[in-house]
Amino acid sequence: MKKIITWIMLILSLGMIGYSGQIMYTNIKGNVEKGTLQKDIKKLDETIKEKNIMLTEVKTKDAELRKKYNEIRQQKGIKVVYLTFDDGPTPNNTPRILDILKKNNIKGTFFVIGQNPDMYKRIVDEGHAIAIHTYSHIYKEVYASEDAFFKDLYKLRDLIIEKTGVNPKVTRFPGGSSTTRAPKAIKQAIIKRLTKEGYVYQDWNCDSTDASGNKVPVEKLVRSSFCNVREVNLLMHDSYAKTTTVEALQQIIDTYKSKGYIFEVLTVDSPKFQHIKQPENID
């Protein structure tokens, strides 16, 4: 008897599902026939267009405000330092750097490569700028041709977007824009295309010298990292071997604070620190 009841319930259930599906099909079919579905789609398209216009206006206004802020800051002679970190993130050094920055309530700019991408999110979540330093950082590969450079750049860009939702437009050449490890003609083509695609590349005007070797003495790093100019773009590294950079960071921060500097991140609207100047626009 129980088996009979079970089969009856199953048949009824299947019948109800089929009936519900038929109702849904009939409603959709009716909407299509009446033209209401097309109207709904059109209304949705109009809403999306309105939202996109609003977003564009906000972005434009934000860019205008940043530009105005930079102009006022320069007029007032405010001293600024941009702390930048290349070749990370790494599990041994980047978290320690982030902890120090958080403790001091200041932000930095991280020119990342394609390793340890799960660490990108913390960089962004804590308010720092994430920027492109190529995926592989292998000179002979990234500078093999214009197309090779951009294939590598796009690979890293897409990975950053996937992990953080941020589409970075600030880049730094491996070795800087004045590197001799890239053929001149290829480098010129890369610069032209970067400009055309809305990227801004940043070099530096102050070198911590931590790239000169592993475990550079803390005292030397602190001394080299202070440059007595109004706007400082300080080059440091958070790669695996740069443990003394982490050890020197608090002293570097303290030095700039004592000299009246403020700390900011690099954006497309920041002053350009470039060894080879980037054209303003490409026709």
Protein backbone atom coordinates (compact mmCIF):
# COMPACT_ATOMS: atom_id res chain seq x y z
CA MET A 1 0.00 0.00 0.00
CA LYS A 2 2.83 2.41 0.91
CA LYS A 3 4.50 1.76 -2.45
CA ILE A 4 1.27 2.59 -4.28
CA ILE A 5 0.87 5.87 -2.34
CA THR A 6 4.51 6.77 -3.02
CA TRP A 7 4.09 6.22 -6.77
CA ILE A 8 0.88 8.26 -6.80
CA MET A 9 2.62 11.18 -5.01
CA LEU A 10 5.56 10.99 -7.42
CA ILE A 11 3.27 11.07 -10.44
CA LEU A 12 1.34 14.02 -8.99
CA SER A 13 4.59 15.88 -8.26
CA LEU A 14 5.85 15.37 -11.79
CA GLY A 15 2.52 16.54 -13.06
CA MET A 16 2.70 19.71 -10.97
CA ILE A 17 6.26 20.42 -12.18
CA GLY A 18 5.13 19.95 -15.75
CA TYR A 19 2.12 22.19 -15.15
CA SER A 20 4.30 24.92 -13.57
CA GLY A 21 6.71 24.72 -16.48
CA GLN A 22 3.82 25.04 -18.91
CA ILE A 23 2.57 28.14 -17.06
CA MET A 24 6.06 29.72 -17.20
CA TYR A 25 6.36 28.90 -20.89
CA THR A 26 2.87 30.32 -21.53
CA ASN A 27 3.68 33.54 -19.62
CA ILE A 28 6.96 34.06 -21.47
CA LYS A 29 5.30 33.24 -24.77
CA GLY A 30 2.49 35.66 -23.92
CA ASN A 31 4.93 38.43 -23.02
CA VAL A 32 6.82 37.94 -26.26
CA GLU A 33 3.60 37.97 -28.28
CA LYS A 34 2.36 41.10 -26.49
CA GLY A 35 5.71 42.85 -26.89
CA THR A 36 6.08 43.47 -23.15
CA LEU A 37 9.29 41.45 -22.93
CA GLN A 38 10.91 43.63 -25.56
CA LYS A 39 9.75 46.71 -23.66
CA ASP A 40 11.29 45.37 -20.45
CA ILE A 41 14.57 44.69 -22.23
CA LYS A 42 14.56 48.17 -23.75
CA LYS A 43 13.87 49.73 -20.35
CA LEU A 44 16.73 47.73 -18.83
CA ASP A 45 19.07 48.87 -21.62
CA GLU A 46 18.11 52.50 -20.98
CA THR A 47 18.76 52.08 -17.25
CA ILE A 48 22.20 50.57 -17.94
CA LYS A 49 23.05 53.45 -20.28
CA GLU A 50 22.00 55.98 -17.63
CA LYS A 51 24.14 54.24 -14.99
CA ASN A 52 27.12 54.16 -17.36
CA ILE A 53 26.73 57.88 -18.06
CA MET A 54 26.61 58.58 -14.31
CA LEU A 55 29.71 56.43 -13.75
CA THR A 56 31.58 58.26 -16.52
CA GLU A 57 30.62 61.61 -14.98
CA VAL A 58 31.85 60.48 -11.55
CA LYS A 59 35.16 59.26 -13.00
CA THR A 60 35.61 62.53 -14.92
CA LYS A 61 34.85 64.59 -11.82
CA ASP A 62 37.22 62.46 -9.75
CA ALA A 63 40.02 62.99 -12.29
CA GLU A 64 39.34 66.74 -12.31
CA LEU A 65 39.47 66.89 -8.51
CA ARG A 66 42.75 64.94 -8.40
CA LYS A 67 44.26 67.25 -10.99
CA LYS A 68 43.13 70.33 -9.05
CA TYR A 69 44.48 68.86 -5.82
CA ASN A 70 47.88 68.28 -7.42
CA GLU A 71 47.95 71.86 -8.69
CA ILE A 72 47.11 73.29 -5.25
CA ARG A 73 49.64 71.02 -3.57
CA GLN A 74 52.38 72.19 -5.91
CA GLN A 75 51.41 75.83 -5.44
CA LYS A 76 51.55 75.45 -1.66
CA GLY A 77 54.92 73.71 -1.84
CA ILE A 78 53.69 70.67 0.08
CA LYS A 79 56.35 67.97 0.25
CA VAL A 80 55.26 64.51 -0.87
CA VAL A 81 56.88 61.08 -0.87
CA TYR A 82 55.63 58.11 -2.84
CA LEU A 83 56.78 54.83 -1.32
CA THR A 84 56.98 52.27 -4.12
CA PHE A 85 57.72 48.56 -3.94
CA ASP A 86 58.72 46.44 -6.94
CA ASP A 87 58.90 42.71 -7.73
CA GLY A 88 56.41 41.41 -5.18
CA PRO A 89 54.28 40.35 -3.58
CA THR A 90 56.13 37.77 -1.52
CA PRO A 91 54.83 35.87 1.53
CA ASN A 92 57.85 36.73 3.68
CA ASN A 93 58.22 40.47 3.04
CA THR A 94 55.02 42.00 1.64
CA PRO A 95 52.80 41.25 4.67
CA ARG A 96 55.41 42.79 6.98
CA ILE A 97 55.56 45.90 4.82
CA LEU A 98 51.77 46.13 4.81
CA ASP A 99 51.74 45.81 8.60
CA ILE A 100 54.23 48.68 8.94
CA LEU A 101 52.28 50.90 6.56
CA LYS A 102 49.05 50.11 8.39
CA LYS A 103 50.60 50.94 11.75
CA ASN A 104 51.68 54.32 10.38
CA ASN A 105 48.37 54.93 8.58
CA ILE A 106 50.09 55.60 5.27
CA LYS A 107 49.70 54.11 1.80
CA GLY A 108 52.19 52.82 -0.73
CA THR A 109 52.28 51.80 -4.38
CA PHE A 110 53.04 48.18 -5.24
CA PHE A 111 54.36 47.39 -8.73
CA VAL A 112 53.52 43.71 -8.75
CA ILE A 113 54.52 40.78 -10.93
CA GLY A 114 52.66 37.53 -11.57
CA GLN A 115 53.66 35.62 -8.44
CA ASN A 116 51.51 35.08 -5.34
CA PRO A 117 48.43 36.73 -6.90
CA ASP A 118 46.22 35.87 -3.94
CA MET A 119 48.11 38.57 -2.04
CA TYR A 120 46.96 41.31 -4.43
CA LYS A 121 43.64 41.60 -2.63
CA ARG A 122 45.11 42.63 0.70
CA ILE A 123 47.13 45.35 -1.02
CA VAL A 124 43.98 46.79 -2.57
CA ASP A 125 41.70 46.20 0.44
CA GLU A 126 44.04 48.21 2.68
CA GLY A 127 43.92 51.22 0.37
CA HIS A 128 47.25 50.90 -1.42
CA ALA A 129 47.76 51.36 -5.14
CA ILE A 130 48.44 48.26 -7.22
CA ALA A 131 50.35 48.80 -10.44
CA ILE A 132 51.85 46.76 -13.28
CA HIS A 133 55.49 45.64 -13.38
CA THR A 134 54.97 42.91 -16.05
CA TYR A 135 53.94 39.34 -15.35
CA SER A 136 57.26 37.55 -15.74
CA HIS A 137 59.87 40.30 -15.22
CA ILE A 138 62.17 38.30 -17.51
CA TYR A 139 63.97 40.93 -19.58
CA LYS A 140 64.74 38.82 -22.65
CA GLU A 141 61.08 37.82 -22.87
CA VAL A 142 59.27 41.09 -22.15
CA TYR A 143 61.64 43.14 -24.32
CA ALA A 144 61.77 40.63 -27.21
CA SER A 145 59.25 42.73 -29.14
CA GLU A 146 56.42 45.22 -28.72
CA ASP A 147 53.87 42.41 -28.93
CA ALA A 148 55.77 40.30 -26.39
CA PHE A 149 55.77 43.20 -23.93
CA PHE A 150 52.03 43.78 -24.22
CA LYS A 151 51.17 40.09 -24.13
CA ASP A 152 52.97 39.96 -20.79
CA LEU A 153 51.39 43.21 -19.57
CA TYR A 154 47.86 42.12 -20.49
CA LYS A 155 48.38 38.79 -18.75
CA LEU A 156 49.21 40.57 -15.50
CA ARG A 157 46.48 43.18 -15.97
CA ASP A 158 43.84 40.47 -16.40
CA LEU A 159 45.13 38.62 -13.33
CA ILE A 160 44.94 41.78 -11.21
CA ILE A 161 41.39 42.43 -12.42
CA GLU A 162 40.43 38.83 -11.63
CA LYS A 163 41.82 39.01 -8.09
CA THR A 164 40.88 42.58 -7.13
CA GLY A 165 38.46 44.09 -9.63
CA VAL A 166 40.97 46.90 -10.24
CA ASN A 167 42.10 47.73 -13.78
CA PRO A 168 45.50 49.37 -13.19
CA LYS A 169 46.76 52.03 -15.58
CA VAL A 170 50.07 52.83 -13.86
CA THR A 171 53.07 50.76 -14.92
CA ARG A 172 56.81 50.54 -14.34
CA PHE A 173 59.28 49.11 -16.82
CA PRO A 174 61.52 46.33 -15.52
CA GLY A 175 64.79 48.22 -15.13
CA GLY A 176 63.05 51.56 -15.68
CA SER A 177 62.30 53.38 -18.92
CA SER A 178 66.00 54.11 -19.42
CA THR A 179 67.02 50.44 -19.30
CA THR A 180 69.61 49.46 -21.89
CA ARG A 181 68.34 45.89 -21.88
CA ALA A 182 65.51 46.80 -24.25
CA PRO A 183 66.32 47.66 -27.88
CA LYS A 184 65.73 51.37 -28.46
CA ALA A 185 63.26 50.91 -31.33
CA ILE A 186 61.20 48.37 -29.36
CA LYS A 187 61.15 50.60 -26.30
CA GLN A 188 59.98 53.59 -28.33
CA ALA A 189 57.18 51.49 -29.83
CA ILE A 190 56.17 50.31 -26.35
CA ILE A 191 56.09 53.87 -25.00
CA LYS A 192 53.98 55.03 -27.93
CA ARG A 193 51.48 52.21 -27.45
CA LEU A 194 51.32 52.64 -23.68
CA THR A 195 50.39 56.27 -24.22
CA LYS A 196 47.80 55.41 -26.86
CA GLU A 197 46.16 52.88 -24.52
CA GLY A 198 46.00 55.28 -21.58
CA TYR A 199 48.83 53.88 -19.46
CA VAL A 200 51.23 56.05 -17.49
CA TYR A 201 54.64 54.66 -16.62
CA GLN A 202 56.55 55.75 -13.55
CA ASP A 203 60.27 55.53 -12.87
CA TRP A 204 61.80 57.06 -9.72
CA ASN A 205 63.95 59.97 -8.60
CA CYS A 206 65.18 58.41 -5.36
CA ASP A 207 66.80 54.97 -5.09
CA SER A 208 66.99 53.07 -1.83
CA THR A 209 69.80 51.02 -3.45
CA ASP A 210 68.25 47.78 -2.21
CA ALA A 211 68.56 46.42 -5.77
CA SER A 212 72.35 46.61 -5.53
CA GLY A 213 72.48 43.35 -3.61
CA ASN A 214 70.76 41.13 -1.08
CA LYS A 215 70.76 42.17 2.56
CA VAL A 216 72.08 45.67 1.94
CA PRO A 217 72.85 47.12 5.41
CA VAL A 218 69.90 48.89 7.01
CA GLU A 219 71.98 51.99 7.70
CA LYS A 220 72.84 52.36 4.01
CA LEU A 221 69.22 51.88 2.95
CA VAL A 222 67.97 54.53 5.38
CA ARG A 223 70.66 56.97 4.26
CA SER A 224 70.09 56.38 0.53
CA SER A 225 66.30 56.51 0.82
CA PHE A 226 66.13 60.14 1.87
CA CYS A 227 66.25 62.58 -1.02
CA ASN A 228 65.89 66.25 -0.16
CA VAL A 229 63.51 67.30 -2.94
CA ARG A 230 59.90 68.45 -2.76
CA GLU A 231 58.46 65.39 -4.52
CA VAL A 232 60.06 62.01 -3.95
CA ASN A 233 59.32 58.78 -5.82
CA LEU A 234 61.27 56.25 -3.76
CA LEU A 235 62.25 52.92 -5.32
CA MET A 236 62.24 49.90 -3.01
CA HIS A 237 61.65 46.17 -3.46
CA ASP A 238 59.55 43.59 -1.60
CA SER A 239 61.00 40.53 -3.36
CA TYR A 240 62.10 37.48 -1.37
CA ALA A 241 65.67 38.51 -0.57
CA LYS A 242 64.96 42.11 0.49
CA THR A 243 64.55 41.48 4.21
CA THR A 244 66.67 44.47 5.20
CA THR A 245 64.35 46.75 3.22
CA VAL A 246 61.58 45.71 5.60
CA GLU A 247 63.88 46.32 8.56
CA ALA A 248 64.74 49.81 7.29
CA LEU A 249 61.21 50.87 6.37
CA GLN A 250 60.12 52.30 9.72
CA GLN A 251 63.25 54.46 9.93
CA ILE A 252 62.69 55.63 6.36
CA ILE A 253 59.11 56.61 7.21
CA ASP A 254 60.21 58.37 10.41
CA THR A 255 62.81 60.38 8.50
CA TYR A 256 60.32 61.67 5.97
CA LYS A 257 57.77 62.43 8.67
CA SER A 258 60.34 64.44 10.61
CA LYS A 259 61.04 66.50 7.49
CA GLY A 260 57.36 67.37 7.01
CA TYR A 261 56.50 65.08 4.10
CA ILE A 262 53.11 63.57 3.43
CA PHE A 263 52.69 60.10 1.90
CA GLU A 264 50.63 59.43 -1.21
CA VAL A 265 50.05 56.73 -3.82
CA LEU A 266 50.75 57.01 -7.52
CA THR A 267 47.81 57.45 -9.89
CA VAL A 268 47.53 58.38 -13.55
CA ASP A 269 47.20 62.00 -12.40
CA SER A 270 50.31 62.03 -10.19
CA PRO A 271 53.43 63.94 -11.23
CA LYS A 272 55.43 61.86 -13.69
CA PHE A 273 58.85 60.65 -12.64
CA GLN A 274 60.26 59.44 -15.93
CA HIS A 275 63.81 58.91 -17.13
CA ILE A 276 62.54 58.94 -20.72
CA LYS A 277 59.63 61.33 -21.08
CA GLN A 278 56.28 59.98 -22.18
CA PRO A 279 54.43 61.94 -24.87
CA GLU A 280 51.26 63.61 -23.65
CA ASN A 281 49.11 62.03 -26.33
CA ILE A 282 49.29 60.02 -29.53
CA ASP A 283 47.20 61.01 -32.54
